[in-house]
Amino acid sequence: MRALSAALPWLPALVACAALAAACDLDLNRMTDQARFSTYEECESCPGGTVMQPPPAGTIPRHHVIAPAEVTRGAGPGGWVRDIPIDVDRALVERGHGRFDIFCAACHGRLGNGLSQVAENMVLRLPPSLVDPPYPAYPAGRIYGAIANGYGLMRSYAAELPVADRWAVVAYVRALQLSQRAALSDLPADLREEAGPWLR
């Protein structure tokens, strides 16, 4: 009863608001049906006669990485960079592992050896094994460039992989190359001892 009596002073105001809302002709579709332009549509009042305009001079996209060309393009004045120009740690390699499995493994195989179901069905040109020569000798920037720009039948993955992720994939490819071509003598003593029985 107390709750009801507490609400009673507001009851006339609520009734008045409801009556006012019913009396008003609310056009809730006006935002859905408002006049607007579609992408690439002609526009007489726009420069060049089209809605699509180049960005203002001197501006860059918000996601644009400001860094030397060796980082953003994988190449500098002397050509492809030999080594990965950002800090490489376990987290970067693991990130590269995930990105490689999503974007690269379908064609190049989970081990980077060019063996995959997709590769078996490519008749024009097989995806190469990234762990066999000459690819281990390629500069890191050349692998980065293939990811960023595409190469042969491979399209560019620049839209899906930002700069740091491209280098992460390069780092993982380097890890694949090392892991599949390492000699037993290259391993630390404890790992050599552990691997020995499996190699007999």
C-alpha atoms as a PDB file:
ATOM      1  CA  MET A   1       0.000   0.000   0.000  1.00  0.00           C
ATOM      2  CA  ARG A   2       2.825   2.378   0.841  1.00  0.00           C
ATOM      3  CA  ALA A   3       4.397   1.842  -2.575  1.00  0.00           C
ATOM      4  CA  LEU A   4       1.079   2.551  -4.257  1.00  0.00           C
ATOM      5  CA  SER A   5       0.477   5.703  -2.237  1.00  0.00           C
ATOM      6  CA  ALA A   6       4.043   6.870  -2.991  1.00  0.00           C
ATOM      7  CA  ALA A   7       3.424   6.449  -6.726  1.00  0.00           C
ATOM      8  CA  LEU A   8       0.060   8.252  -6.692  1.00  0.00           C
ATOM      9  CA  PRO A   9       1.519  11.799  -6.760  1.00  0.00           C
ATOM     10  CA  TRP A  10       3.271  10.894 -10.036  1.00  0.00           C
ATOM     11  CA  LEU A  11       0.233   9.242 -11.585  1.00  0.00           C
ATOM     12  CA  PRO A  12      -1.260  12.400 -13.152  1.00  0.00           C
ATOM     13  CA  ALA A  13       2.105  13.268 -14.721  1.00  0.00           C
ATOM     14  CA  LEU A  14       2.441   9.776 -16.166  1.00  0.00           C
ATOM     15  CA  VAL A  15      -1.064   9.879 -17.609  1.00  0.00           C
ATOM     16  CA  ALA A  16      -0.365  13.300 -19.153  1.00  0.00           C
ATOM     17  CA  CYS A  17       2.865  12.058 -20.773  1.00  0.00           C
ATOM     18  CA  ALA A  18       1.102   9.012 -22.193  1.00  0.00           C
ATOM     19  CA  ALA A  19      -1.668  11.172 -23.628  1.00  0.00           C
ATOM     20  CA  LEU A  20       0.865  13.586 -25.139  1.00  0.00           C
ATOM     21  CA  ALA A  21       2.841  10.757 -26.757  1.00  0.00           C
ATOM     22  CA  ALA A  22      -0.359   9.322 -28.242  1.00  0.00           C
ATOM     23  CA  ALA A  23      -1.349  12.726 -29.601  1.00  0.00           C
ATOM     24  CA  CYS A  24       2.032  13.330 -31.277  1.00  0.00           C
ATOM     25  CA  ASP A  25       2.693  11.866 -34.681  1.00  0.00           C
ATOM     26  CA  LEU A  26       6.144  10.354 -34.081  1.00  0.00           C
ATOM     27  CA  ASP A  27       7.941   9.407 -37.287  1.00  0.00           C
ATOM     28  CA  LEU A  28      10.426   6.829 -36.032  1.00  0.00           C
ATOM     29  CA  ASN A  29      11.442   5.794 -39.561  1.00  0.00           C
ATOM     30  CA  ARG A  30      12.857   9.177 -40.497  1.00  0.00           C
ATOM     31  CA  MET A  31      16.418   8.119 -39.628  1.00  0.00           C
ATOM     32  CA  THR A  32      16.122   4.887 -41.590  1.00  0.00           C
ATOM     33  CA  ASP A  33      14.753   6.622 -44.665  1.00  0.00           C
ATOM     34  CA  GLN A  34      16.823   9.806 -44.500  1.00  0.00           C
ATOM     35  CA  ALA A  35      18.507  11.174 -47.596  1.00  0.00           C
ATOM     36  CA  ARG A  36      22.087   9.944 -47.878  1.00  0.00           C
ATOM     37  CA  PHE A  37      24.752   9.028 -50.416  1.00  0.00           C
ATOM     38  CA  SER A  38      26.032   5.552 -51.163  1.00  0.00           C
ATOM     39  CA  THR A  39      29.673   4.690 -51.812  1.00  0.00           C
ATOM     40  CA  TYR A  40      30.888   5.852 -55.251  1.00  0.00           C
ATOM     41  CA  GLU A  41      27.580   7.649 -55.916  1.00  0.00           C
ATOM     42  CA  GLU A  42      27.606  10.774 -58.088  1.00  0.00           C
ATOM     43  CA  CYS A  43      27.254  14.075 -56.236  1.00  0.00           C
ATOM     44  CA  GLU A  44      26.863  17.370 -58.086  1.00  0.00           C
ATOM     45  CA  SER A  45      27.911  19.464 -55.085  1.00  0.00           C
ATOM     46  CA  CYS A  46      31.048  17.406 -54.327  1.00  0.00           C
ATOM     47  CA  PRO A  47      34.476  18.093 -55.873  1.00  0.00           C
ATOM     48  CA  GLY A  48      35.014  15.825 -58.843  1.00  0.00           C
ATOM     49  CA  GLY A  49      31.307  14.979 -58.938  1.00  0.00           C
ATOM     50  CA  THR A  50      31.557  11.942 -56.672  1.00  0.00           C
ATOM     51  CA  VAL A  51      30.970  11.209 -52.991  1.00  0.00           C
ATOM     52  CA  MET A  52      34.306   9.416 -52.653  1.00  0.00           C
ATOM     53  CA  GLN A  53      37.014  11.978 -51.959  1.00  0.00           C
ATOM     54  CA  PRO A  54      40.767  11.611 -51.418  1.00  0.00           C
ATOM     55  CA  PRO A  55      41.905  12.212 -47.845  1.00  0.00           C
ATOM     56  CA  PRO A  56      43.071  15.757 -47.059  1.00  0.00           C
ATOM     57  CA  ALA A  57      46.724  16.420 -47.849  1.00  0.00           C
ATOM     58  CA  GLY A  58      49.085  15.604 -45.021  1.00  0.00           C
ATOM     59  CA  THR A  59      46.736  13.202 -43.236  1.00  0.00           C
ATOM     60  CA  ILE A  60      47.324   9.523 -42.519  1.00  0.00           C
ATOM     61  CA  PRO A  61      44.960   6.725 -41.431  1.00  0.00           C
ATOM     62  CA  ARG A  62      44.612   6.237 -37.691  1.00  0.00           C
ATOM     63  CA  HIS A  63      46.100   2.712 -37.908  1.00  0.00           C
ATOM     64  CA  HIS A  64      49.085   3.873 -39.992  1.00  0.00           C
ATOM     65  CA  VAL A  65      52.420   2.866 -38.479  1.00  0.00           C
ATOM     66  CA  ILE A  66      54.949   5.684 -38.416  1.00  0.00           C
ATOM     67  CA  ALA A  67      58.302   3.955 -38.666  1.00  0.00           C
ATOM     68  CA  PRO A  68      61.283   3.687 -41.020  1.00  0.00           C
ATOM     69  CA  ALA A  69      60.679   2.012 -44.376  1.00  0.00           C
ATOM     70  CA  GLU A  70      62.735  -0.952 -43.174  1.00  0.00           C
ATOM     71  CA  VAL A  71      59.926  -1.662 -40.698  1.00  0.00           C
ATOM     72  CA  THR A  72      56.858  -0.722 -42.738  1.00  0.00           C
ATOM     73  CA  ARG A  73      58.021  -2.016 -46.132  1.00  0.00           C
ATOM     74  CA  GLY A  74      60.711  -4.539 -45.274  1.00  0.00           C
ATOM     75  CA  ALA A  75      63.192  -2.654 -47.443  1.00  0.00           C
ATOM     76  CA  GLY A  76      65.370   0.417 -47.263  1.00  0.00           C
ATOM     77  CA  PRO A  77      67.765   2.217 -49.601  1.00  0.00           C
ATOM     78  CA  GLY A  78      69.971  -0.880 -49.717  1.00  0.00           C
ATOM     79  CA  GLY A  79      67.161  -3.282 -50.622  1.00  0.00           C
ATOM     80  CA  TRP A  80      65.488  -5.952 -48.511  1.00  0.00           C
ATOM     81  CA  VAL A  81      66.369  -5.930 -44.824  1.00  0.00           C
ATOM     82  CA  ARG A  82      68.390  -8.972 -43.861  1.00  0.00           C
ATOM     83  CA  ASP A  83      67.085  -9.400 -40.310  1.00  0.00           C
ATOM     84  CA  ILE A  84      63.750  -8.708 -38.645  1.00  0.00           C
ATOM     85  CA  PRO A  85      63.913  -4.992 -37.678  1.00  0.00           C
ATOM     86  CA  ILE A  86      61.720  -5.250 -34.564  1.00  0.00           C
ATOM     87  CA  ASP A  87      62.316  -6.978 -31.234  1.00  0.00           C
ATOM     88  CA  VAL A  88      61.693 -10.711 -31.507  1.00  0.00           C
ATOM     89  CA  ASP A  89      60.568 -12.541 -28.396  1.00  0.00           C
ATOM     90  CA  ARG A  90      58.507 -15.612 -27.611  1.00  0.00           C
ATOM     91  CA  ALA A  91      55.247 -13.639 -27.635  1.00  0.00           C
ATOM     92  CA  LEU A  92      55.943 -12.364 -31.167  1.00  0.00           C
ATOM     93  CA  VAL A  93      56.750 -15.851 -32.465  1.00  0.00           C
ATOM     94  CA  GLU A  94      53.611 -17.265 -30.839  1.00  0.00           C
ATOM     95  CA  ARG A  95      51.550 -14.473 -32.385  1.00  0.00           C
ATOM     96  CA  GLY A  96      53.131 -15.326 -35.731  1.00  0.00           C
ATOM     97  CA  HIS A  97      52.258 -18.985 -35.191  1.00  0.00           C
ATOM     98  CA  GLY A  98      48.588 -18.099 -34.796  1.00  0.00           C
ATOM     99  CA  ARG A  99      48.543 -15.744 -37.788  1.00  0.00           C
ATOM    100  CA  PHE A 100      50.432 -18.284 -39.927  1.00  0.00           C
ATOM    101  CA  ASP A 101      47.949 -21.037 -39.087  1.00  0.00           C
ATOM    102  CA  ILE A 102      45.037 -18.764 -40.009  1.00  0.00           C
ATOM    103  CA  PHE A 103      46.310 -17.116 -43.191  1.00  0.00           C
ATOM    104  CA  CYS A 104      49.253 -19.138 -44.529  1.00  0.00           C
ATOM    105  CA  ALA A 105      48.910 -22.786 -43.553  1.00  0.00           C
ATOM    106  CA  ALA A 106      46.011 -23.474 -45.908  1.00  0.00           C
ATOM    107  CA  CYS A 107      48.410 -23.238 -48.859  1.00  0.00           C
ATOM    108  CA  HIS A 108      51.903 -23.585 -47.362  1.00  0.00           C
ATOM    109  CA  GLY A 109      50.992 -26.301 -44.841  1.00  0.00           C
ATOM    110  CA  ARG A 110      51.111 -26.211 -41.038  1.00  0.00           C
ATOM    111  CA  LEU A 111      54.846 -26.972 -41.180  1.00  0.00           C
ATOM    112  CA  GLY A 112      55.514 -24.496 -43.975  1.00  0.00           C
ATOM    113  CA  ASN A 113      56.555 -27.380 -46.211  1.00  0.00           C
ATOM    114  CA  GLY A 114      53.992 -26.728 -48.963  1.00  0.00           C
ATOM    115  CA  LEU A 115      51.968 -29.858 -48.160  1.00  0.00           C
ATOM    116  CA  SER A 116      48.280 -29.100 -47.710  1.00  0.00           C
ATOM    117  CA  GLN A 117      44.900 -30.040 -49.134  1.00  0.00           C
ATOM    118  CA  VAL A 118      44.686 -26.693 -50.918  1.00  0.00           C
ATOM    119  CA  ALA A 119      48.164 -27.166 -52.419  1.00  0.00           C
ATOM    120  CA  GLU A 120      47.162 -30.565 -53.805  1.00  0.00           C
ATOM    121  CA  ASN A 121      44.404 -28.885 -55.799  1.00  0.00           C
ATOM    122  CA  MET A 122      46.471 -26.021 -57.204  1.00  0.00           C
ATOM    123  CA  VAL A 123      47.376 -27.014 -60.738  1.00  0.00           C
ATOM    124  CA  LEU A 124      48.790 -23.726 -62.059  1.00  0.00           C
ATOM    125  CA  ARG A 125      51.575 -23.405 -59.519  1.00  0.00           C
ATOM    126  CA  LEU A 126      52.149 -25.213 -56.244  1.00  0.00           C
ATOM    127  CA  PRO A 127      52.743 -23.137 -53.098  1.00  0.00           C
ATOM    128  CA  PRO A 128      56.442 -23.446 -52.269  1.00  0.00           C
ATOM    129  CA  SER A 129      57.914 -25.107 -49.232  1.00  0.00           C
ATOM    130  CA  LEU A 130      59.135 -22.212 -47.111  1.00  0.00           C
ATOM    131  CA  VAL A 131      61.520 -24.449 -45.171  1.00  0.00           C
ATOM    132  CA  ASP A 132      63.501 -25.702 -48.176  1.00  0.00           C
ATOM    133  CA  PRO A 133      66.095 -23.799 -50.253  1.00  0.00           C
ATOM    134  CA  PRO A 134      66.184 -21.096 -51.422  1.00  0.00           C
ATOM    135  CA  TYR A 135      63.701 -19.670 -48.888  1.00  0.00           C
ATOM    136  CA  PRO A 136      65.776 -20.013 -45.687  1.00  0.00           C
ATOM    137  CA  ALA A 137      68.436 -17.843 -47.370  1.00  0.00           C
ATOM    138  CA  TYR A 138      65.955 -15.105 -48.313  1.00  0.00           C
ATOM    139  CA  PRO A 139      66.287 -11.814 -46.413  1.00  0.00           C
ATOM    140  CA  ALA A 140      63.553 -11.340 -43.822  1.00  0.00           C
ATOM    141  CA  GLY A 141      62.333  -8.283 -45.736  1.00  0.00           C
ATOM    142  CA  ARG A 142      61.674 -10.330 -48.852  1.00  0.00           C
ATOM    143  CA  ILE A 143      59.325 -12.655 -46.955  1.00  0.00           C
ATOM    144  CA  TYR A 144      57.681  -9.601 -45.379  1.00  0.00           C
ATOM    145  CA  GLY A 145      57.289  -8.075 -48.850  1.00  0.00           C
ATOM    146  CA  ALA A 146      55.506 -11.176 -50.147  1.00  0.00           C
ATOM    147  CA  ILE A 147      53.052 -10.999 -47.244  1.00  0.00           C
ATOM    148  CA  ALA A 148      52.463  -7.265 -47.676  1.00  0.00           C
ATOM    149  CA  ASN A 149      52.351  -7.087 -51.475  1.00  0.00           C
ATOM    150  CA  GLY A 150      51.557 -10.603 -52.638  1.00  0.00           C
ATOM    151  CA  TYR A 151      53.736 -12.656 -54.940  1.00  0.00           C
ATOM    152  CA  GLY A 152      52.847 -14.730 -57.983  1.00  0.00           C
ATOM    153  CA  LEU A 153      49.441 -16.299 -57.368  1.00  0.00           C
ATOM    154  CA  MET A 154      49.507 -15.270 -53.715  1.00  0.00           C
ATOM    155  CA  ARG A 155      47.496 -12.158 -52.955  1.00  0.00           C
ATOM    156  CA  SER A 156      48.482  -9.414 -50.534  1.00  0.00           C
ATOM    157  CA  TYR A 157      47.562  -9.945 -46.881  1.00  0.00           C
ATOM    158  CA  ALA A 158      48.222  -6.325 -45.900  1.00  0.00           C
ATOM    159  CA  ALA A 159      44.526  -5.778 -45.119  1.00  0.00           C
ATOM    160  CA  GLU A 160      44.394  -8.718 -42.722  1.00  0.00           C
ATOM    161  CA  LEU A 161      47.859  -8.473 -41.183  1.00  0.00           C
ATOM    162  CA  PRO A 162      49.103  -5.144 -39.792  1.00  0.00           C
ATOM    163  CA  VAL A 163      52.841  -4.394 -39.798  1.00  0.00           C
ATOM    164  CA  ALA A 164      53.611  -6.067 -36.459  1.00  0.00           C
ATOM    165  CA  ASP A 165      51.677  -9.213 -37.437  1.00  0.00           C
ATOM    166  CA  ARG A 166      53.541  -9.459 -40.750  1.00  0.00           C
ATOM    167  CA  TRP A 167      56.847  -9.442 -38.873  1.00  0.00           C
ATOM    168  CA  ALA A 168      55.394 -11.964 -36.414  1.00  0.00           C
ATOM    169  CA  VAL A 169      54.666 -14.304 -39.328  1.00  0.00           C
ATOM    170  CA  VAL A 170      58.192 -13.784 -40.665  1.00  0.00           C
ATOM    171  CA  ALA A 171      59.577 -14.643 -37.216  1.00  0.00           C
ATOM    172  CA  TYR A 172      57.496 -17.824 -37.127  1.00  0.00           C
ATOM    173  CA  VAL A 173      58.602 -18.813 -40.630  1.00  0.00           C
ATOM    174  CA  ARG A 174      62.198 -18.401 -39.456  1.00  0.00           C
ATOM    175  CA  ALA A 175      61.380 -20.641 -36.466  1.00  0.00           C
ATOM    176  CA  LEU A 176      59.910 -23.269 -38.819  1.00  0.00           C
ATOM    177  CA  GLN A 177      63.007 -23.122 -41.003  1.00  0.00           C
ATOM    178  CA  LEU A 178      65.285 -23.599 -37.997  1.00  0.00           C
ATOM    179  CA  SER A 179      63.205 -26.346 -36.426  1.00  0.00           C
ATOM    180  CA  GLN A 180      63.030 -28.501 -39.545  1.00  0.00           C
ATOM    181  CA  ARG A 181      66.600 -28.107 -40.695  1.00  0.00           C
ATOM    182  CA  ALA A 182      68.470 -28.153 -37.380  1.00  0.00           C
ATOM    183  CA  ALA A 183      71.173 -30.765 -36.878  1.00  0.00           C
ATOM    184  CA  LEU A 184      71.200 -32.795 -33.670  1.00  0.00           C
ATOM    185  CA  SER A 185      74.557 -31.257 -32.834  1.00  0.00           C
ATOM    186  CA  ASP A 186      72.929 -27.798 -32.872  1.00  0.00           C
ATOM    187  CA  LEU A 187      70.774 -28.637 -29.856  1.00  0.00           C
ATOM    188  CA  PRO A 188      71.759 -28.038 -26.237  1.00  0.00           C
ATOM    189  CA  ALA A 189      73.155 -31.099 -24.453  1.00  0.00           C
ATOM    190  CA  ASP A 190      69.980 -31.875 -22.489  1.00  0.00           C
ATOM    191  CA  LEU A 191      67.822 -31.745 -25.631  1.00  0.00           C
ATOM    192  CA  ARG A 192      70.342 -33.865 -27.574  1.00  0.00           C
ATOM    193  CA  GLU A 193      70.106 -36.499 -24.855  1.00  0.00           C
ATOM    194  CA  GLU A 194      66.311 -36.383 -24.919  1.00  0.00           C
ATOM    195  CA  ALA A 195      66.143 -36.551 -28.729  1.00  0.00           C
ATOM    196  CA  GLY A 196      68.739 -39.327 -29.076  1.00  0.00           C
ATOM    197  CA  PRO A 197      66.442 -42.332 -28.447  1.00  0.00           C
ATOM    198  CA  TRP A 198      63.849 -41.016 -30.884  1.00  0.00           C
ATOM    199  CA  LEU A 199      66.402 -40.766 -33.694  1.00  0.00           C
ATOM    200  CA  ARG A 200      67.738 -44.310 -33.454  1.00  0.00           C
END
